[in-house]
Protein backbone atom coordinates (compact mmCIF):
# COMPACT_ATOMS: atom_id res chain seq x y z
CA MET A 1 44.44 94.84 -63.11
CA ILE A 2 46.11 97.94 -60.91
CA SER A 3 48.98 97.00 -58.29
CA ASP A 4 49.28 98.99 -55.43
CA TRP A 5 51.24 102.00 -55.08
CA HIS A 6 54.51 101.34 -54.54
CA LYS A 7 58.43 103.01 -53.95
CA SER A 8 61.22 101.29 -55.08
CA SER A 9 63.46 99.17 -52.95
CA TYR A 10 66.61 101.73 -53.43
CA SER A 11 64.46 104.68 -51.77
CA ALA A 12 65.77 105.44 -48.21
CA ASN A 13 63.13 105.55 -45.71
CA GLY A 14 61.73 108.84 -45.05
CA ALA A 15 63.61 110.23 -48.42
CA ASN A 16 61.55 112.18 -50.92
CA CYS A 17 60.88 109.80 -53.73
CA VAL A 18 58.04 108.85 -55.99
CA GLU A 19 55.53 105.78 -55.69
CA VAL A 20 54.80 104.06 -58.73
CA ARG A 21 51.37 101.41 -59.29
CA GLU A 22 51.67 99.62 -62.82
CA HIS A 23 48.48 98.26 -64.65
CA VAL A 24 47.87 97.03 -68.26
CA HIS A 25 48.12 100.07 -69.77
CA GLY A 26 51.46 101.40 -68.25
CA ALA A 27 52.09 102.68 -65.25
CA ASP A 28 51.02 105.97 -62.55
CA VAL A 29 53.51 108.15 -60.90
CA ARG A 30 53.15 110.52 -57.79
CA ASP A 31 55.25 112.49 -55.33
CA THR A 32 55.37 110.39 -52.27
CA VAL A 33 55.17 114.11 -50.48
CA ASN A 34 52.47 115.54 -52.68
CA ARG A 35 50.19 112.40 -52.87
CA ASP A 36 47.01 114.79 -53.34
CA ALA A 37 48.59 116.69 -56.28
CA GLY A 38 48.11 113.52 -58.57
CA HIS A 39 49.87 111.19 -60.54
CA LEU A 40 51.34 111.08 -64.33
CA SER A 41 50.00 108.33 -66.34
CA VAL A 42 52.67 107.18 -68.69
CA PRO A 43 52.07 104.44 -71.32
CA GLY A 44 53.13 100.88 -71.24
CA GLY A 45 55.74 101.10 -74.60
CA GLU A 46 57.23 104.50 -72.68
CA TRP A 47 57.41 103.03 -69.36
CA VAL A 48 59.37 100.11 -70.65
CA ALA A 49 61.68 102.19 -72.27
CA LEU A 50 62.08 104.58 -69.17
CA LEU A 51 62.85 101.52 -66.84
CA ALA A 52 65.24 99.99 -69.78
CA GLY A 53 66.99 103.65 -70.26
CA VAL A 54 67.25 103.81 -66.11
CA ARG A 55 68.46 100.32 -65.74
CA ASP A 56 71.68 100.94 -68.39
CA GLN A 57 72.64 103.87 -66.25
CA VAL A 58 72.89 101.48 -63.15
């Protein structure tokens, strides 16, 4: 199952940011300004590690 694209709740309205959609194999990430340019797919283990690293910085 693939979730819908969504932005972080920390994103300001109208600000340039990225959108994410999660799925069983990981996540896809795209630029909100350039949605038609495609997306970057991140494997599950690497997505979890990225989120853990970001949380450690907050």
